Amino acid sequence: SVYLLASFPRPPTVPIIHTSLAHLLSSSLLWNVYPEDLYSRGAYTNLPLGQVWYWLIGPEDGRHIVLIHGLSIPAIVWKDVAPVLASRGYYVLLYDLYGRGYSDAPQVTYDTTLHTTQLALLMQCVK
């Protein structure tokens, strides 16, 4: 039998898990792909389960519309749609669901109740 003993030049490191893009280092390349100022009038609001990042674009007196992204990509998915709606007179609310983009990732069950509650609370906070 032959045995081989190998050693690594340095021990493996524990990966850093960021709970949202907001916690990334300012040198991260993701800031170039999905900057907080992708849309105008972006802001954080504090909801019971954490911070939520949202944008309001378009004329405030326009018809209100809410764009909700899917589970695999944050609100950047609307980067081509939201500005067109705003230019056509709509007042557009976009936001990152919990656990996506710049919104916090609470340690809870991610289901329709969570996302419905998040939207209901967000709509009470923003005008």
N, C-alpha and C. Protein backbone atom coordinates (compact mmCIF):
# COMPACT_ATOMS: atom_id res chain seq x y z
N SER A 1 0.83 -1.18 0.00
CA SER A 1 0.00 0.00 0.00
C SER A 1 0.87 1.24 0.00
N VAL A 2 0.40 2.24 -0.73
CA VAL A 2 1.09 3.51 -0.78
C VAL A 2 0.15 4.58 -0.21
N TYR A 3 0.66 5.37 0.69
CA TYR A 3 -0.11 6.46 1.27
C TYR A 3 0.56 7.77 0.91
N LEU A 4 -0.24 8.75 0.61
CA LEU A 4 0.27 10.06 0.25
C LEU A 4 -0.29 11.08 1.23
N LEU A 5 0.56 11.82 1.83
CA LEU A 5 0.15 12.86 2.75
C LEU A 5 0.39 14.20 2.07
N ALA A 6 -0.65 14.96 1.94
CA ALA A 6 -0.54 16.27 1.28
C ALA A 6 -0.86 17.36 2.30
N SER A 7 -0.22 18.46 2.12
CA SER A 7 -0.56 19.61 2.96
C SER A 7 -0.82 20.80 2.05
N PHE A 8 -1.72 21.63 2.48
CA PHE A 8 -2.06 22.81 1.72
C PHE A 8 -1.19 23.97 2.17
N PRO A 9 -0.87 24.89 1.26
CA PRO A 9 0.00 26.01 1.62
C PRO A 9 -0.63 26.89 2.72
N ARG A 10 -1.91 26.94 2.76
CA ARG A 10 -2.60 27.68 3.83
C ARG A 10 -3.94 26.99 4.05
N PRO A 11 -4.45 27.07 5.25
CA PRO A 11 -5.73 26.40 5.52
C PRO A 11 -6.87 27.04 4.73
N PRO A 12 -7.88 26.25 4.40
CA PRO A 12 -9.01 26.82 3.69
C PRO A 12 -9.71 27.87 4.55
N THR A 13 -10.27 28.87 3.90
CA THR A 13 -10.94 29.94 4.63
C THR A 13 -12.45 29.72 4.59
N VAL A 14 -13.10 30.19 5.61
CA VAL A 14 -14.55 30.12 5.66
C VAL A 14 -15.10 31.23 4.77
N PRO A 15 -16.01 30.90 3.86
CA PRO A 15 -16.54 31.95 2.98
C PRO A 15 -17.35 32.97 3.78
N ILE A 16 -17.29 34.20 3.33
CA ILE A 16 -18.07 35.26 3.94
C ILE A 16 -19.43 35.29 3.24
N ILE A 17 -20.47 35.21 4.02
CA ILE A 17 -21.82 35.24 3.47
C ILE A 17 -22.41 36.61 3.76
N HIS A 18 -22.76 37.32 2.71
CA HIS A 18 -23.36 38.65 2.85
C HIS A 18 -24.88 38.49 2.81
N THR A 19 -25.56 39.08 3.76
CA THR A 19 -27.01 38.95 3.82
C THR A 19 -27.73 39.84 2.82
N SER A 20 -27.02 40.78 2.22
CA SER A 20 -27.58 41.59 1.14
C SER A 20 -26.43 42.29 0.42
N LEU A 21 -26.71 42.80 -0.75
CA LEU A 21 -25.69 43.54 -1.49
C LEU A 21 -25.22 44.76 -0.72
N ALA A 22 -26.07 45.30 0.13
CA ALA A 22 -25.71 46.49 0.90
C ALA A 22 -24.53 46.24 1.82
N HIS A 23 -24.25 44.99 2.14
CA HIS A 23 -23.16 44.66 3.06
C HIS A 23 -21.85 44.32 2.35
N LEU A 24 -21.82 44.43 1.03
CA LEU A 24 -20.60 44.15 0.28
C LEU A 24 -19.59 45.28 0.46
N LEU A 25 -18.34 44.94 0.30
CA LEU A 25 -17.30 45.96 0.33
C LEU A 25 -17.49 46.93 -0.84
N SER A 26 -17.11 48.18 -0.65
CA SER A 26 -17.29 49.17 -1.70
C SER A 26 -16.47 48.83 -2.95
N SER A 27 -15.46 47.98 -2.81
CA SER A 27 -14.63 47.59 -3.95
C SER A 27 -15.23 46.43 -4.75
N SER A 28 -16.36 45.88 -4.32
CA SER A 28 -16.97 44.74 -5.00
C SER A 28 -17.40 45.11 -6.42
N LEU A 29 -17.16 44.22 -7.35
CA LEU A 29 -17.57 44.45 -8.74
C LEU A 29 -19.08 44.45 -8.93
N LEU A 30 -19.81 43.86 -7.98
CA LEU A 30 -21.27 43.85 -8.09
C LEU A 30 -21.87 45.24 -8.06
N TRP A 31 -21.17 46.20 -7.42
CA TRP A 31 -21.67 47.58 -7.41
C TRP A 31 -21.76 48.13 -8.83
N ASN A 32 -20.88 47.66 -9.74
CA ASN A 32 -20.91 48.11 -11.13
C ASN A 32 -22.07 47.49 -11.90
N VAL A 33 -22.44 46.27 -11.54
CA VAL A 33 -23.51 45.56 -12.24
C VAL A 33 -24.88 46.03 -11.76
N TYR A 34 -25.02 46.18 -10.45
CA TYR A 34 -26.32 46.51 -9.86
C TYR A 34 -26.13 47.59 -8.80
N PRO A 35 -25.91 48.84 -9.25
CA PRO A 35 -25.69 49.93 -8.29
C PRO A 35 -27.00 50.35 -7.62
N GLU A 36 -26.89 50.87 -6.42
CA GLU A 36 -28.08 51.35 -5.70
C GLU A 36 -28.80 52.44 -6.48
N ASP A 37 -28.07 53.22 -7.27
CA ASP A 37 -28.69 54.31 -8.02
C ASP A 37 -29.07 53.90 -9.45
N LEU A 38 -29.33 52.61 -9.64
CA LEU A 38 -29.75 52.12 -10.96
C LEU A 38 -30.99 52.88 -11.43
N TYR A 39 -31.91 53.12 -10.53
CA TYR A 39 -33.09 53.92 -10.79
C TYR A 39 -33.02 55.15 -9.87
N SER A 40 -33.76 56.18 -10.21
CA SER A 40 -33.78 57.37 -9.36
C SER A 40 -34.59 57.11 -8.09
N ARG A 41 -34.41 57.97 -7.12
CA ARG A 41 -35.18 57.97 -5.88
C ARG A 41 -35.18 56.63 -5.16
N GLY A 42 -34.02 56.07 -4.94
CA GLY A 42 -33.92 54.84 -4.18
C GLY A 42 -33.70 55.12 -2.71
N ALA A 43 -34.20 54.24 -1.88
CA ALA A 43 -34.05 54.44 -0.43
C ALA A 43 -34.29 53.12 0.30
N TYR A 44 -33.83 53.09 1.53
CA TYR A 44 -34.12 51.97 2.42
C TYR A 44 -35.29 52.35 3.31
N THR A 45 -36.07 51.36 3.69
CA THR A 45 -37.05 51.54 4.74
C THR A 45 -36.91 50.36 5.68
N ASN A 46 -37.15 50.61 6.94
CA ASN A 46 -37.06 49.54 7.94
C ASN A 46 -38.43 48.93 8.16
N LEU A 47 -38.53 47.65 7.90
CA LEU A 47 -39.73 46.89 8.16
C LEU A 47 -39.44 45.93 9.32
N PRO A 48 -40.44 45.32 9.91
CA PRO A 48 -40.20 44.47 11.08
C PRO A 48 -39.16 43.36 10.88
N LEU A 49 -39.01 42.84 9.68
CA LEU A 49 -38.05 41.76 9.45
C LEU A 49 -36.74 42.22 8.83
N GLY A 50 -36.54 43.52 8.70
CA GLY A 50 -35.28 44.02 8.16
C GLY A 50 -35.46 45.15 7.18
N GLN A 51 -34.33 45.65 6.70
CA GLN A 51 -34.34 46.75 5.72
C GLN A 51 -34.77 46.25 4.35
N VAL A 52 -35.51 47.10 3.67
CA VAL A 52 -35.94 46.81 2.29
C VAL A 52 -35.52 48.00 1.44
N TRP A 53 -34.90 47.70 0.32
CA TRP A 53 -34.48 48.72 -0.64
C TRP A 53 -35.55 48.84 -1.70
N TYR A 54 -35.94 50.10 -2.01
CA TYR A 54 -36.97 50.34 -3.03
C TYR A 54 -36.63 51.59 -3.83
N TRP A 55 -37.30 51.73 -4.96
CA TRP A 55 -37.20 52.92 -5.80
C TRP A 55 -38.60 53.37 -6.15
N LEU A 56 -38.76 54.67 -6.30
CA LEU A 56 -39.98 55.27 -6.84
C LEU A 56 -39.55 56.12 -8.03
N ILE A 57 -40.06 55.79 -9.20
CA ILE A 57 -39.68 56.56 -10.38
C ILE A 57 -40.93 56.98 -11.15
N GLY A 58 -40.81 58.07 -11.85
CA GLY A 58 -41.92 58.58 -12.64
C GLY A 58 -42.64 59.69 -11.92
N PRO A 59 -43.64 60.27 -12.57
CA PRO A 59 -44.38 61.39 -11.98
C PRO A 59 -45.28 60.92 -10.83
N GLU A 60 -45.21 61.64 -9.71
CA GLU A 60 -45.98 61.26 -8.52
C GLU A 60 -47.48 61.28 -8.76
N ASP A 61 -47.94 62.08 -9.71
CA ASP A 61 -49.38 62.14 -9.98
C ASP A 61 -49.81 61.11 -11.04
N GLY A 62 -48.89 60.26 -11.49
CA GLY A 62 -49.22 59.24 -12.48
C GLY A 62 -49.94 58.05 -11.86
N ARG A 63 -50.48 57.19 -12.71
CA ARG A 63 -51.10 55.95 -12.20
C ARG A 63 -50.02 55.11 -11.55
N HIS A 64 -50.34 54.56 -10.40
CA HIS A 64 -49.36 53.79 -9.65
C HIS A 64 -49.28 52.36 -10.18
N ILE A 65 -48.05 51.87 -10.23
CA ILE A 65 -47.80 50.50 -10.66
C ILE A 65 -46.66 49.94 -9.81
N VAL A 66 -46.76 48.67 -9.44
CA VAL A 66 -45.73 48.00 -8.65
C VAL A 66 -45.15 46.88 -9.50
N LEU A 67 -43.82 46.85 -9.60
CA LEU A 67 -43.13 45.79 -10.31
C LEU A 67 -42.44 44.89 -9.28
N ILE A 68 -42.76 43.62 -9.32
CA ILE A 68 -42.19 42.66 -8.37
C ILE A 68 -41.38 41.64 -9.17
N HIS A 69 -40.13 41.50 -8.80
CA HIS A 69 -39.27 40.56 -9.52
C HIS A 69 -39.54 39.13 -9.08
N GLY A 70 -38.95 38.17 -9.79
CA GLY A 70 -39.07 36.76 -9.43
C GLY A 70 -38.09 36.40 -8.33
N LEU A 71 -38.00 35.13 -8.04
CA LEU A 71 -37.18 34.68 -6.93
C LEU A 71 -35.70 34.55 -7.27
N SER A 72 -35.35 34.56 -8.53
CA SER A 72 -33.94 34.31 -8.87
C SER A 72 -33.13 35.56 -9.19
N ILE A 73 -33.76 36.70 -9.39
CA ILE A 73 -33.02 37.92 -9.74
C ILE A 73 -33.71 39.11 -9.08
N PRO A 74 -32.95 40.07 -8.55
CA PRO A 74 -33.57 41.23 -7.89
C PRO A 74 -34.18 42.21 -8.90
N ALA A 75 -34.52 43.39 -8.42
CA ALA A 75 -35.25 44.38 -9.23
C ALA A 75 -34.49 44.87 -10.45
N ILE A 76 -33.23 44.52 -10.60
CA ILE A 76 -32.49 44.89 -11.81
C ILE A 76 -33.17 44.31 -13.06
N VAL A 77 -33.96 43.26 -12.87
CA VAL A 77 -34.65 42.64 -14.00
C VAL A 77 -35.56 43.64 -14.72
N TRP A 78 -35.99 44.69 -14.03
CA TRP A 78 -36.88 45.69 -14.61
C TRP A 78 -36.14 46.89 -15.20
N LYS A 79 -34.83 46.80 -15.36
CA LYS A 79 -34.03 47.96 -15.78
C LYS A 79 -34.44 48.53 -17.13
N ASP A 80 -35.02 47.73 -18.01
CA ASP A 80 -35.46 48.23 -19.30
C ASP A 80 -36.95 48.58 -19.32
N VAL A 81 -37.70 48.01 -18.41
CA VAL A 81 -39.16 48.20 -18.38
C VAL A 81 -39.55 49.42 -17.54
N ALA A 82 -38.99 49.53 -16.34
CA ALA A 82 -39.39 50.59 -15.41
C ALA A 82 -39.22 52.00 -15.99
N PRO A 83 -38.08 52.33 -16.60
CA PRO A 83 -37.93 53.68 -17.15
C PRO A 83 -38.93 53.99 -18.27
N VAL A 84 -39.30 52.98 -19.05
CA VAL A 84 -40.28 53.20 -20.11
C VAL A 84 -41.65 53.49 -19.51
N LEU A 85 -42.02 52.72 -18.49
CA LEU A 85 -43.31 52.97 -17.82
C LEU A 85 -43.32 54.38 -17.21
N ALA A 86 -42.22 54.76 -16.57
CA ALA A 86 -42.13 56.09 -15.96
C ALA A 86 -42.23 57.18 -17.03
N SER A 87 -41.59 56.96 -18.17
CA SER A 87 -41.64 57.96 -19.25
C SER A 87 -43.03 58.08 -19.86
N ARG A 88 -43.84 57.07 -19.66
CA ARG A 88 -45.22 57.10 -20.16
C ARG A 88 -46.22 57.56 -19.09
N GLY A 89 -45.68 58.10 -17.99
CA GLY A 89 -46.54 58.72 -17.00
C GLY A 89 -46.89 57.88 -15.79
N TYR A 90 -46.38 56.68 -15.71
CA TYR A 90 -46.67 55.84 -14.54
C TYR A 90 -45.73 56.18 -13.38
N TYR A 91 -46.26 56.05 -12.19
CA TYR A 91 -45.47 56.19 -10.95
C TYR A 91 -45.14 54.78 -10.51
N VAL A 92 -43.88 54.40 -10.65
CA VAL A 92 -43.46 53.00 -10.52
C VAL A 92 -42.76 52.76 -9.19
N LEU A 93 -43.22 51.75 -8.47
CA LEU A 93 -42.56 51.26 -7.27
C LEU A 93 -41.88 49.95 -7.61
N LEU A 94 -40.58 49.90 -7.37
CA LEU A 94 -39.81 48.66 -7.53
C LEU A 94 -39.10 48.42 -6.20
N TYR A 95 -38.86 47.19 -5.87
CA TYR A 95 -38.15 46.91 -4.63
C TYR A 95 -37.53 45.53 -4.71
N ASP A 96 -36.58 45.28 -3.83
CA ASP A 96 -35.96 43.97 -3.74
C ASP A 96 -36.68 43.17 -2.67
N LEU A 97 -37.14 42.00 -3.06
CA LEU A 97 -37.75 41.10 -2.08
C LEU A 97 -36.74 40.75 -0.99
N TYR A 98 -37.24 40.35 0.17
CA TYR A 98 -36.33 39.88 1.21
C TYR A 98 -35.41 38.80 0.64
N GLY A 99 -34.15 38.91 0.99
CA GLY A 99 -33.17 37.91 0.56
C GLY A 99 -32.64 38.12 -0.84
N ARG A 100 -33.01 39.23 -1.48
CA ARG A 100 -32.54 39.52 -2.83
C ARG A 100 -32.00 40.94 -2.86
N GLY A 101 -31.04 41.18 -3.73
CA GLY A 101 -30.52 42.52 -3.95
C GLY A 101 -30.06 43.19 -2.67
N TYR A 102 -30.57 44.38 -2.43
CA TYR A 102 -30.15 45.19 -1.29
C TYR A 102 -31.01 44.99 -0.05
N SER A 103 -32.09 44.24 -0.16
CA SER A 103 -32.94 44.00 1.01
C SER A 103 -32.32 42.93 1.91
N ASP A 104 -32.60 43.05 3.20
CA ASP A 104 -32.08 42.09 4.17
C ASP A 104 -32.65 40.69 3.92
N ALA A 105 -31.97 39.71 4.46
CA ALA A 105 -32.38 38.31 4.34
C ALA A 105 -32.69 37.76 5.73
N PRO A 106 -33.91 37.97 6.21
CA PRO A 106 -34.24 37.46 7.54
C PRO A 106 -34.24 35.93 7.58
N GLN A 107 -33.97 35.38 8.73
CA GLN A 107 -33.95 33.93 8.91
C GLN A 107 -35.37 33.45 9.20
N VAL A 108 -36.20 33.41 8.17
CA VAL A 108 -37.59 33.00 8.27
C VAL A 108 -37.92 32.12 7.07
N THR A 109 -39.12 31.59 7.05
CA THR A 109 -39.58 30.82 5.90
C THR A 109 -39.97 31.78 4.77
N TYR A 110 -39.43 31.55 3.60
CA TYR A 110 -39.72 32.39 2.44
C TYR A 110 -40.91 31.77 1.70
N ASP A 111 -42.04 32.43 1.83
CA ASP A 111 -43.27 31.94 1.21
C ASP A 111 -44.13 33.11 0.79
N THR A 112 -45.31 32.82 0.25
CA THR A 112 -46.16 33.90 -0.24
C THR A 112 -46.62 34.82 0.89
N THR A 113 -46.80 34.29 2.08
CA THR A 113 -47.20 35.14 3.20
C THR A 113 -46.13 36.17 3.51
N LEU A 114 -44.86 35.76 3.51
CA LEU A 114 -43.77 36.69 3.77
C LEU A 114 -43.75 37.80 2.71
N HIS A 115 -43.82 37.42 1.46
CA HIS A 115 -43.71 38.40 0.38
C HIS A 115 -44.94 39.31 0.30
N THR A 116 -46.11 38.77 0.58
CA THR A 116 -47.32 39.59 0.60
C THR A 116 -47.26 40.60 1.74
N THR A 117 -46.82 40.15 2.90
CA THR A 117 -46.69 41.04 4.05
C THR A 117 -45.65 42.12 3.79
N GLN A 118 -44.53 41.74 3.18
CA GLN A 118 -43.49 42.72 2.85
C GLN A 118 -44.06 43.81 1.96
N LEU A 119 -44.79 43.43 0.91
CA LEU A 119 -45.36 44.43 0.00
C LEU A 119 -46.39 45.30 0.70
N ALA A 120 -47.25 44.71 1.52
CA ALA A 120 -48.28 45.49 2.22
C ALA A 120 -47.64 46.52 3.15
N LEU A 121 -46.61 46.11 3.88
CA LEU A 121 -45.93 47.04 4.78
C LEU A 121 -45.17 48.12 4.01
N LEU A 122 -44.53 47.71 2.92
CA LEU A 122 -43.79 48.67 2.10
C LEU A 122 -44.72 49.74 1.53
N MET A 123 -45.88 49.33 1.07
CA MET A 123 -46.82 50.29 0.47
C MET A 123 -47.36 51.27 1.51
N GLN A 124 -47.34 50.90 2.79
CA GLN A 124 -47.75 51.83 3.84
C GLN A 124 -46.65 52.83 4.15
N CYS A 125 -45.39 52.46 3.87
CA CYS A 125 -44.25 53.32 4.20
C CYS A 125 -43.91 54.33 3.11
N VAL A 126 -44.17 53.99 1.87
CA VAL A 126 -43.75 54.85 0.76
C VAL A 126 -44.96 55.56 0.17
N LYS A 127 -44.69 56.71 -0.36
CA LYS A 127 -45.77 57.49 -0.98
C LYS A 127 -45.38 57.89 -2.38
